[in-house]
N, C-alpha and C. Protein backbone atom coordinates (compact mmCIF):
# COMPACT_ATOMS: atom_id res chain seq x y z
N MET A 1 -5.33 -26.22 1.51
CA MET A 1 -4.60 -25.71 0.17
C MET A 1 -3.36 -24.72 0.60
N GLY A 2 -2.34 -25.23 -0.30
CA GLY A 2 -1.26 -24.87 0.10
C GLY A 2 -1.15 -23.51 -0.58
N LYS A 3 0.00 -22.44 0.37
CA LYS A 3 -0.46 -21.02 -0.75
C LYS A 3 0.23 -20.94 -2.29
N ASP A 4 0.51 -21.74 -2.80
CA ASP A 4 0.59 -21.22 -4.15
C ASP A 4 0.11 -22.06 -4.84
N THR A 5 -1.08 -23.27 -4.25
CA THR A 5 -2.25 -23.78 -4.87
C THR A 5 -3.48 -22.39 -5.42
N ILE A 6 -3.38 -23.20 -6.57
CA ILE A 6 -4.54 -21.84 -7.99
C ILE A 6 -5.25 -22.64 -8.14
N VAL A 7 -6.52 -21.73 -8.12
CA VAL A 7 -7.85 -22.39 -8.53
C VAL A 7 -8.81 -21.23 -8.80
N ILE A 8 -9.48 -21.87 -9.67
CA ILE A 8 -10.58 -20.86 -10.58
C ILE A 8 -12.09 -21.35 -9.29
N ARG A 9 -12.72 -20.27 -8.88
CA ARG A 9 -13.69 -20.40 -8.92
C ARG A 9 -14.89 -18.88 -9.02
N GLU A 10 -16.17 -19.14 -8.38
CA GLU A 10 -16.80 -18.13 -8.48
C GLU A 10 -16.54 -16.80 -7.35
N ILE A 11 -16.49 -15.46 -8.17
CA ILE A 11 -16.00 -14.38 -7.48
C ILE A 11 -16.92 -13.90 -6.11
N GLU A 12 -15.80 -13.86 -4.97
CA GLU A 12 -16.64 -13.12 -3.42
C GLU A 12 -16.56 -11.93 -3.49
N PRO A 13 -17.37 -11.30 -2.59
CA PRO A 13 -16.91 -9.98 -2.48
C PRO A 13 -15.75 -8.86 -2.48
N GLN A 14 -14.52 -9.73 -1.31
CA GLN A 14 -13.78 -9.81 -0.88
C GLN A 14 -12.87 -9.66 -2.47
N ASP A 15 -12.74 -10.10 -3.54
CA ASP A 15 -12.11 -9.77 -4.02
C ASP A 15 -11.92 -8.30 -5.41
N ASN A 16 -12.97 -8.00 -4.32
CA ASN A 16 -13.26 -6.86 -5.92
C ASN A 16 -12.14 -5.79 -6.14
N THR A 17 -11.52 -5.17 -4.70
CA THR A 17 -10.25 -4.53 -4.80
C THR A 17 -9.55 -5.51 -5.50
N LEU A 18 -8.51 -6.27 -5.52
CA LEU A 18 -7.51 -7.29 -6.94
C LEU A 18 -7.57 -7.17 -7.84
N LEU A 19 -8.82 -7.79 -8.24
CA LEU A 19 -9.57 -7.73 -9.69
C LEU A 19 -9.17 -6.27 -9.85
N GLU A 20 -9.53 -5.39 -9.71
CA GLU A 20 -9.73 -3.96 -10.23
C GLU A 20 -8.49 -3.75 -10.65
N GLN A 21 -7.69 -3.80 -9.66
CA GLN A 21 -6.01 -3.69 -9.78
C GLN A 21 -5.14 -4.69 -10.71
N VAL A 22 -5.68 -5.43 -11.30
CA VAL A 22 -5.62 -6.17 -11.72
C VAL A 22 -6.35 -6.25 -13.59
N ILE A 23 -7.05 -5.91 -13.15
CA ILE A 23 -7.68 -5.22 -14.81
C ILE A 23 -6.89 -3.89 -15.47
N LYS A 24 -7.02 -3.13 -14.31
CA LYS A 24 -6.67 -1.62 -14.73
C LYS A 24 -5.10 -1.87 -14.84
N ALA A 25 -4.50 -2.50 -13.95
CA ALA A 25 -3.02 -2.73 -14.53
C ALA A 25 -2.40 -3.27 -16.20
N CYS A 26 -3.71 -4.35 -16.70
CA CYS A 26 -3.35 -4.32 -18.35
C CYS A 26 -3.53 -3.11 -19.03
N PHE A 27 -4.12 -2.42 -18.88
CA PHE A 27 -4.67 -1.23 -19.57
C PHE A 27 -3.41 -0.81 -20.05
N HIS A 28 -2.45 -0.03 -18.71
CA HIS A 28 -1.27 0.64 -18.54
C HIS A 28 0.11 -0.37 -19.47
N GLU A 29 -0.38 -1.47 -19.22
CA GLU A 29 0.83 -2.39 -20.13
C GLU A 29 0.58 -2.11 -21.07
N PHE A 30 -0.60 -2.15 -21.90
CA PHE A 30 -0.22 -2.92 -23.42
C PHE A 30 -1.06 -1.84 -24.09
N GLU A 31 -1.07 -0.38 -23.26
CA GLU A 31 -1.48 0.88 -23.76
C GLU A 31 -2.91 0.78 -24.86
N ILE A 32 -3.97 0.53 -23.85
CA ILE A 32 -4.88 0.17 -24.40
C ILE A 32 -6.08 1.91 -23.74
N PRO A 33 -6.97 2.25 -24.64
CA PRO A 33 -7.02 3.77 -24.64
C PRO A 33 -7.87 3.79 -23.07
N LEU A 34 -8.10 4.27 -22.02
CA LEU A 34 -8.58 3.80 -20.67
C LEU A 34 -10.21 4.60 -21.10
N GLU A 35 -10.05 5.56 -21.87
CA GLU A 35 -12.02 5.64 -22.25
C GLU A 35 -12.85 4.69 -22.98
N GLY A 36 -13.74 4.47 -22.77
CA GLY A 36 -14.59 4.18 -23.23
C GLY A 36 -14.47 2.01 -23.94
N THR A 37 -13.69 1.55 -22.58
CA THR A 37 -13.18 0.50 -22.76
C THR A 37 -13.90 -0.41 -21.08
N ALA A 38 -12.74 -1.16 -20.73
CA ALA A 38 -13.72 -1.84 -19.25
C ALA A 38 -12.74 -1.15 -17.98
N TYR A 39 -11.84 -0.59 -18.99
CA TYR A 39 -10.90 0.39 -17.21
C TYR A 39 -11.75 1.94 -16.80
N SER A 40 -12.98 2.38 -17.65
CA SER A 40 -13.37 3.48 -16.91
C SER A 40 -15.39 3.04 -16.61
N ASP A 41 -15.54 1.46 -17.14
CA ASP A 41 -16.69 1.17 -16.45
C ASP A 41 -16.75 0.89 -14.86
N PRO A 42 -18.22 1.61 -14.48
CA PRO A 42 -18.18 1.34 -13.46
C PRO A 42 -18.38 0.29 -12.47
N GLU A 43 -18.39 -0.97 -13.33
CA GLU A 43 -19.02 -2.42 -13.06
C GLU A 43 -17.70 -2.80 -12.56
N THR A 44 -16.20 -2.27 -12.92
CA THR A 44 -14.83 -2.66 -12.58
C THR A 44 -14.52 -2.53 -11.39
N ALA A 45 -15.13 -2.05 -10.46
CA ALA A 45 -14.52 -1.90 -9.08
C ALA A 45 -15.84 -2.38 -8.66
N LYS A 46 -16.46 -2.91 -8.81
CA LYS A 46 -17.84 -3.78 -8.13
C LYS A 46 -18.20 -4.98 -8.82
N MET A 47 -16.91 -5.88 -9.42
CA MET A 47 -17.22 -6.99 -10.04
C MET A 47 -18.18 -7.78 -9.10
N TYR A 48 -17.67 -8.26 -8.06
CA TYR A 48 -18.85 -9.20 -7.48
C TYR A 48 -20.30 -8.94 -7.35
N GLU A 49 -21.04 -7.71 -7.10
CA GLU A 49 -22.11 -7.13 -7.29
C GLU A 49 -22.90 -6.79 -8.92
N SER A 50 -21.59 -6.62 -9.60
CA SER A 50 -21.48 -7.32 -11.28
C SER A 50 -22.37 -8.33 -11.47
N TYR A 51 -22.45 -9.26 -11.32
CA TYR A 51 -22.70 -10.43 -11.92
C TYR A 51 -23.36 -11.58 -10.56
N GLN A 52 -24.28 -11.07 -10.23
CA GLN A 52 -25.53 -11.32 -9.48
C GLN A 52 -26.62 -11.90 -9.94
N ASN A 53 -26.46 -11.61 -10.76
CA ASN A 53 -28.36 -12.31 -11.09
C ASN A 53 -28.04 -13.69 -12.16
N THR A 54 -29.05 -14.63 -12.17
CA THR A 54 -29.15 -16.25 -12.74
C THR A 54 -28.54 -16.06 -13.75
N ASN A 55 -28.38 -15.15 -14.78
CA ASN A 55 -27.82 -15.71 -16.29
C ASN A 55 -26.28 -15.74 -16.27
N GLU A 56 -25.67 -15.28 -15.30
CA GLU A 56 -24.44 -14.27 -15.69
C GLU A 56 -23.48 -15.61 -14.29
N VAL A 57 -22.33 -14.88 -14.56
CA VAL A 57 -21.11 -15.72 -13.41
C VAL A 57 -19.86 -15.01 -13.51
N TYR A 58 -18.65 -14.92 -12.92
CA TYR A 58 -17.82 -14.51 -13.43
C TYR A 58 -16.41 -14.95 -12.33
N TYR A 59 -15.63 -15.56 -12.94
CA TYR A 59 -14.46 -16.39 -11.67
C TYR A 59 -13.76 -15.51 -11.80
N VAL A 60 -12.51 -15.76 -10.57
CA VAL A 60 -11.02 -15.21 -10.81
C VAL A 60 -10.52 -16.51 -10.69
N ILE A 61 -9.10 -16.38 -10.46
CA ILE A 61 -7.67 -17.08 -10.47
C ILE A 61 -7.07 -16.65 -9.38
N ASP A 62 -7.37 -17.62 -8.39
CA ASP A 62 -7.15 -17.13 -6.63
C ASP A 62 -5.55 -18.07 -6.49
N CYS A 63 -5.43 -17.24 -6.10
CA CYS A 63 -3.49 -18.32 -5.52
C CYS A 63 -3.11 -17.94 -4.21
N GLY A 64 -3.90 -18.18 -3.12
CA GLY A 64 -3.83 -18.24 -2.23
C GLY A 64 -4.06 -17.45 -1.39
N GLY A 65 -5.22 -16.53 -2.25
CA GLY A 65 -5.95 -15.33 -1.97
C GLY A 65 -5.53 -13.89 -2.67
N ASP A 66 -4.90 -14.38 -3.49
CA ASP A 66 -4.43 -13.41 -4.68
C ASP A 66 -4.54 -13.56 -5.64
N ILE A 67 -5.64 -12.16 -5.79
CA ILE A 67 -6.52 -13.01 -7.58
C ILE A 67 -5.41 -12.74 -8.33
N LEU A 68 -5.50 -13.39 -9.29
CA LEU A 68 -4.18 -12.86 -10.05
C LEU A 68 -5.14 -12.68 -11.55
N GLY A 69 -6.54 -13.14 -11.62
CA GLY A 69 -7.25 -12.35 -13.26
C GLY A 69 -8.34 -13.40 -13.13
N GLY A 70 -9.02 -13.22 -13.81
CA GLY A 70 -10.97 -12.99 -13.61
C GLY A 70 -11.38 -13.38 -15.54
N GLY A 71 -12.45 -13.88 -15.60
CA GLY A 71 -13.41 -13.64 -16.63
C GLY A 71 -14.83 -14.17 -16.17
N GLY A 72 -15.60 -13.48 -17.48
CA GLY A 72 -16.98 -13.64 -17.08
C GLY A 72 -18.17 -14.11 -17.90
N ILE A 73 -19.36 -14.53 -18.14
CA ILE A 73 -20.54 -14.28 -18.51
C ILE A 73 -21.96 -13.01 -18.63
N LYS A 74 -21.99 -12.58 -19.72
CA LYS A 74 -23.24 -11.47 -18.73
C LYS A 74 -24.24 -11.68 -20.26
N PRO A 75 -25.27 -11.39 -20.02
CA PRO A 75 -26.37 -11.39 -21.57
C PRO A 75 -25.46 -10.28 -22.38
N LEU A 76 -25.48 -10.00 -23.34
CA LEU A 76 -25.30 -8.91 -24.59
C LEU A 76 -26.30 -7.92 -24.21
N ASN A 77 -25.89 -6.93 -23.36
CA ASN A 77 -26.38 -5.85 -23.80
C ASN A 77 -27.32 -5.32 -24.87
N ASN A 78 -28.66 -5.16 -24.72
CA ASN A 78 -29.56 -4.47 -25.84
C ASN A 78 -28.98 -5.11 -27.16
N PHE A 79 -29.34 -6.72 -27.17
CA PHE A 79 -29.51 -7.78 -27.83
C PHE A 79 -30.28 -8.84 -27.76
N GLU A 80 -29.95 -10.07 -28.54
CA GLU A 80 -31.28 -10.98 -28.12
C GLU A 80 -30.52 -11.50 -27.14
N THR A 81 -31.41 -12.57 -26.32
CA THR A 81 -31.18 -12.95 -25.24
C THR A 81 -30.52 -14.37 -25.42
N THR A 82 -30.54 -14.85 -26.49
CA THR A 82 -29.51 -15.96 -26.48
C THR A 82 -28.37 -16.10 -27.03
N VAL A 83 -27.95 -14.25 -26.76
CA VAL A 83 -25.98 -14.08 -27.03
C VAL A 83 -26.02 -13.68 -25.53
N CYS A 84 -24.83 -14.51 -25.11
CA CYS A 84 -24.03 -13.84 -23.82
C CYS A 84 -22.53 -13.22 -24.34
N GLU A 85 -21.91 -12.22 -23.57
CA GLU A 85 -20.79 -11.79 -23.83
C GLU A 85 -19.40 -12.38 -22.66
N ILE A 86 -18.34 -12.74 -23.57
CA ILE A 86 -17.58 -12.92 -22.71
C ILE A 86 -16.92 -11.59 -21.55
N GLN A 87 -16.71 -11.46 -20.73
CA GLN A 87 -16.19 -9.95 -20.29
C GLN A 87 -15.75 -10.20 -19.52
N LYS A 88 -14.77 -8.53 -19.48
CA LYS A 88 -13.40 -8.70 -18.40
C LYS A 88 -12.58 -9.74 -18.00
N MET A 89 -12.45 -10.15 -19.19
CA MET A 89 -11.08 -11.32 -18.85
C MET A 89 -10.14 -10.95 -19.28
N TYR A 90 -8.86 -10.76 -18.31
CA TYR A 90 -7.70 -9.51 -17.52
C TYR A 90 -7.09 -11.36 -16.77
N PHE A 91 -5.49 -11.00 -17.27
CA PHE A 91 -4.93 -11.61 -16.30
C PHE A 91 -3.35 -11.21 -16.01
N SER A 92 -2.83 -11.18 -14.92
CA SER A 92 -1.42 -11.07 -13.87
C SER A 92 -0.86 -11.52 -15.05
N PRO A 93 0.14 -10.98 -15.43
CA PRO A 93 1.51 -11.21 -15.94
C PRO A 93 1.96 -12.90 -14.95
N LYS A 94 1.95 -12.31 -14.03
CA LYS A 94 1.80 -13.69 -13.15
C LYS A 94 1.42 -14.98 -13.41
N VAL A 95 0.41 -15.14 -14.27
CA VAL A 95 -0.08 -16.31 -14.38
C VAL A 95 -0.77 -16.77 -16.27
N ARG A 96 0.05 -15.84 -16.78
CA ARG A 96 0.29 -15.94 -18.43
C ARG A 96 0.85 -16.48 -18.67
N GLY A 97 0.68 -17.27 -20.02
CA GLY A 97 1.07 -17.93 -20.20
C GLY A 97 1.48 -19.69 -20.21
N LYS A 98 0.31 -19.51 -19.04
CA LYS A 98 0.60 -21.47 -18.29
C LYS A 98 -0.15 -21.94 -18.29
N GLY A 99 -1.37 -21.66 -19.67
CA GLY A 99 -2.89 -22.37 -19.29
C GLY A 99 -3.85 -21.74 -18.32
N TYR A 100 -3.63 -21.23 -18.33
CA TYR A 100 -5.38 -21.02 -16.90
C TYR A 100 -6.35 -19.88 -17.91
N GLY A 101 -5.67 -19.37 -18.83
CA GLY A 101 -6.56 -18.10 -19.68
C GLY A 101 -7.53 -19.50 -20.27
N LYS A 102 -6.90 -20.17 -20.66
CA LYS A 102 -7.34 -21.07 -21.45
C LYS A 102 -8.79 -22.39 -20.79
N VAL A 103 -8.36 -22.25 -19.38
CA VAL A 103 -8.85 -23.07 -18.65
C VAL A 103 -10.30 -22.59 -18.55
N LEU A 104 -9.79 -21.29 -18.26
CA LEU A 104 -11.17 -20.20 -17.59
C LEU A 104 -12.27 -20.06 -19.10
N PHE A 105 -11.45 -19.56 -19.69
CA PHE A 105 -12.22 -19.24 -20.91
C PHE A 105 -13.38 -20.65 -21.68
N SER A 106 -12.56 -22.02 -21.76
CA SER A 106 -13.50 -23.03 -21.49
C SER A 106 -14.69 -23.10 -20.56
N LYS A 107 -14.13 -22.84 -19.40
CA LYS A 107 -15.64 -22.88 -17.98
C LYS A 107 -16.28 -21.36 -18.61
N CYS A 108 -16.03 -20.62 -18.77
CA CYS A 108 -16.94 -19.23 -19.33
C CYS A 108 -17.65 -19.91 -20.62
N LEU A 109 -17.24 -21.00 -21.59
CA LEU A 109 -18.14 -20.83 -23.12
C LEU A 109 -18.84 -21.97 -22.36
N GLU A 110 -18.29 -23.43 -21.51
CA GLU A 110 -19.44 -24.20 -21.06
C GLU A 110 -20.54 -23.73 -20.48
N VAL A 111 -20.37 -22.91 -19.16
CA VAL A 111 -21.05 -22.58 -18.51
C VAL A 111 -22.62 -21.47 -19.72
N ALA A 112 -21.80 -20.80 -19.93
CA ALA A 112 -23.13 -20.28 -21.26
C ALA A 112 -23.88 -21.09 -22.07
N LYS A 113 -22.87 -22.32 -22.38
CA LYS A 113 -23.62 -23.34 -23.04
C LYS A 113 -24.78 -24.08 -22.42
N THR A 114 -24.47 -24.46 -20.47
CA THR A 114 -25.47 -24.43 -19.73
C THR A 114 -26.25 -23.92 -19.34
N LEU A 115 -26.35 -22.07 -19.08
CA LEU A 115 -26.97 -21.76 -18.98
C LEU A 115 -28.01 -21.02 -20.47
N GLY A 116 -27.67 -21.45 -21.29
CA GLY A 116 -29.20 -21.64 -22.41
C GLY A 116 -28.48 -20.82 -23.99
N TYR A 117 -27.40 -20.19 -23.08
CA TYR A 117 -27.16 -18.71 -24.79
C TYR A 117 -26.56 -19.91 -26.08
N GLU A 118 -26.85 -19.65 -26.89
CA GLU A 118 -26.79 -19.93 -28.41
C GLU A 118 -25.69 -19.40 -29.39
N LYS A 119 -25.06 -18.37 -28.34
CA LYS A 119 -24.00 -17.46 -28.94
C LYS A 119 -23.54 -17.25 -27.77
N CYS A 120 -22.17 -16.55 -28.55
CA CYS A 120 -20.97 -16.18 -27.48
C CYS A 120 -20.10 -14.85 -27.89
N TYR A 121 -20.30 -13.94 -27.58
CA TYR A 121 -20.03 -12.04 -28.01
C TYR A 121 -19.15 -12.44 -27.21
N LEU A 122 -17.89 -11.66 -27.84
CA LEU A 122 -16.44 -10.49 -26.96
C LEU A 122 -16.09 -9.39 -28.09
N GLU A 123 -15.80 -8.40 -27.22
CA GLU A 123 -14.90 -7.52 -27.95
C GLU A 123 -13.04 -7.38 -26.99
N SER A 124 -12.08 -7.13 -27.78
CA SER A 124 -11.23 -7.14 -27.33
C SER A 124 -10.73 -5.53 -28.14
N ALA A 125 -9.37 -5.95 -27.94
CA ALA A 125 -8.43 -4.23 -28.50
C ALA A 125 -6.98 -5.01 -29.03
N SER A 126 -6.87 -4.18 -30.14
CA SER A 126 -5.93 -5.41 -31.19
C SER A 126 -4.56 -5.32 -30.32
N GLN A 127 -4.17 -4.67 -29.29
CA GLN A 127 -3.11 -4.65 -28.88
C GLN A 127 -3.20 -5.86 -27.97
N LEU A 128 -3.98 -6.71 -27.93
CA LEU A 128 -3.91 -8.26 -26.86
C LEU A 128 -3.62 -9.34 -28.55
N LYS A 129 -2.80 -9.32 -28.40
CA LYS A 129 -2.85 -9.94 -30.15
C LYS A 129 -2.54 -11.92 -29.37
N ALA A 130 -1.85 -11.87 -28.44
CA ALA A 130 -1.80 -13.44 -27.64
C ALA A 130 -3.33 -13.99 -27.40
N ALA A 131 -4.27 -12.72 -26.72
CA ALA A 131 -6.17 -13.05 -26.35
C ALA A 131 -6.54 -13.25 -27.81
N ILE A 132 -6.53 -12.29 -28.33
CA ILE A 132 -7.29 -12.72 -29.69
C ILE A 132 -6.71 -14.32 -30.67
N HIS A 133 -5.50 -14.55 -30.67
CA HIS A 133 -4.83 -15.78 -31.44
C HIS A 133 -6.00 -16.83 -30.26
N ILE A 134 -5.96 -16.92 -28.96
CA ILE A 134 -6.78 -17.99 -28.24
C ILE A 134 -7.91 -17.62 -28.53
N TYR A 135 -9.00 -16.74 -28.82
CA TYR A 135 -10.25 -16.32 -29.49
C TYR A 135 -10.30 -17.57 -30.75
N GLU A 136 -9.42 -16.54 -31.93
CA GLU A 136 -9.77 -17.56 -33.11
C GLU A 136 -9.50 -19.16 -32.63
N ARG A 137 -8.59 -19.82 -31.64
CA ARG A 137 -8.40 -21.35 -31.83
C ARG A 137 -9.64 -21.59 -31.45
N PHE A 138 -10.44 -21.13 -30.54
CA PHE A 138 -11.76 -22.11 -29.86
C PHE A 138 -12.52 -21.40 -30.64
N GLY A 139 -12.44 -20.82 -31.37
CA GLY A 139 -13.46 -20.76 -32.95
C GLY A 139 -14.15 -19.81 -32.85
N PHE A 140 -13.41 -18.38 -32.28
CA PHE A 140 -14.59 -17.60 -32.61
C PHE A 140 -14.28 -16.35 -33.84
N HIS A 141 -15.10 -16.26 -34.18
CA HIS A 141 -14.90 -15.57 -36.47
C HIS A 141 -15.17 -13.94 -35.93
N HIS A 142 -14.61 -13.64 -36.61
CA HIS A 142 -14.48 -11.68 -36.36
C HIS A 142 -15.49 -11.12 -37.03
N LEU A 143 -16.04 -10.15 -36.49
CA LEU A 143 -17.46 -9.68 -36.83
C LEU A 143 -16.65 -7.92 -37.31
N GLU A 144 -17.35 -7.22 -38.74
CA GLU A 144 -17.38 -6.05 -39.20
C GLU A 144 -17.27 -5.21 -38.02
N LYS A 145 -18.23 -5.28 -37.11
CA LYS A 145 -18.75 -4.01 -36.57
C LYS A 145 -19.22 -4.97 -34.22
N ALA A 146 -19.07 -3.50 -33.56
CA ALA A 146 -20.03 -4.60 -32.23
C ALA A 146 -21.38 -4.81 -32.90
N LEU A 147 -21.84 -5.74 -31.51
CA LEU A 147 -23.35 -5.95 -31.43
C LEU A 147 -23.56 -5.38 -30.17
N GLY A 148 -24.33 -5.55 -30.14
CA GLY A 148 -25.40 -4.55 -28.79
C GLY A 148 -24.95 -3.65 -28.68
N ASN A 149 -25.38 -3.43 -26.79
CA ASN A 149 -24.51 -1.99 -26.76
C ASN A 149 -23.64 -2.15 -25.45
N THR A 150 -22.33 -2.26 -25.69
CA THR A 150 -21.72 -3.10 -24.04
C THR A 150 -20.98 -1.19 -23.76
N GLY A 151 -21.13 -0.29 -24.53
CA GLY A 151 -20.55 0.83 -24.26
C GLY A 151 -19.02 0.90 -24.22
N HIS A 152 -17.95 0.26 -25.07
CA HIS A 152 -17.07 -0.05 -24.91
C HIS A 152 -16.29 0.53 -26.39
N TYR A 153 -16.59 1.63 -26.81
CA TYR A 153 -16.36 2.17 -27.73
C TYR A 153 -15.54 2.56 -28.19
N SER A 154 -14.28 1.38 -27.29
CA SER A 154 -12.85 1.82 -27.96
C SER A 154 -12.24 0.59 -28.09
N CYS A 155 -13.15 -0.60 -28.36
CA CYS A 155 -12.14 -1.71 -27.86
C CYS A 155 -12.76 -2.07 -30.37
N GLY A 156 -12.02 -2.43 -30.54
CA GLY A 156 -11.69 -2.33 -31.89
C GLY A 156 -12.12 -3.91 -33.01
N VAL A 157 -12.05 -4.70 -31.53
CA VAL A 157 -12.09 -6.23 -32.61
C VAL A 157 -13.23 -6.99 -31.43
N TRP A 158 -14.00 -7.83 -32.80
CA TRP A 158 -15.30 -7.82 -31.73
C TRP A 158 -15.36 -9.01 -32.43
N MET A 159 -15.63 -10.48 -31.90
CA MET A 159 -15.27 -11.73 -32.50
C MET A 159 -17.16 -13.46 -31.95
N ILE A 160 -17.39 -13.62 -32.37
CA ILE A 160 -19.06 -14.15 -32.52
C ILE A 160 -18.63 -15.52 -32.30
N LYS A 161 -19.58 -16.40 -31.72
CA LYS A 161 -19.04 -18.05 -31.63
C LYS A 161 -20.06 -18.80 -31.19
N THR A 162 -20.68 -19.26 -32.25
CA THR A 162 -21.71 -20.73 -32.05
C THR A 162 -21.54 -21.42 -30.85
N LEU A 163 -22.49 -21.25 -29.62
CA LEU A 163 -22.00 -22.53 -28.99
C LEU A 163 -22.17 -24.22 -29.23
């Protein structure tokens, strides 16, 4: 594998620090609130440890050891067990607009189906217009209010899709 080869793979313990930097940088870049979002979520600093149950997975975009983004699937907190949530999908500007987000998003949806989920939920911030456009193209529909209890009270966009 060359140093410029980009792979999408499951998260490993050594990815935590670089991934946290990518996630937090997006909040500053897009001026998203830091409280009530993934920015202040305790999981953000320990992503590997946060996705170790059998019904959840987190993928990273790895370019020769440099982590340029990621996204994952988890059961939606305090909600029906048949509903999962796509979580913490953030990308470095280095990989945006090159199709990796769509590939990663598709992979998450396929895995969700394989894990037996019937619906997929997500929360986003209205500032992330490009991401919301992609979710709509993948067949996600807007909801009037949040589902479950993610703790991300500053997210103003809620969407769901039947798998």
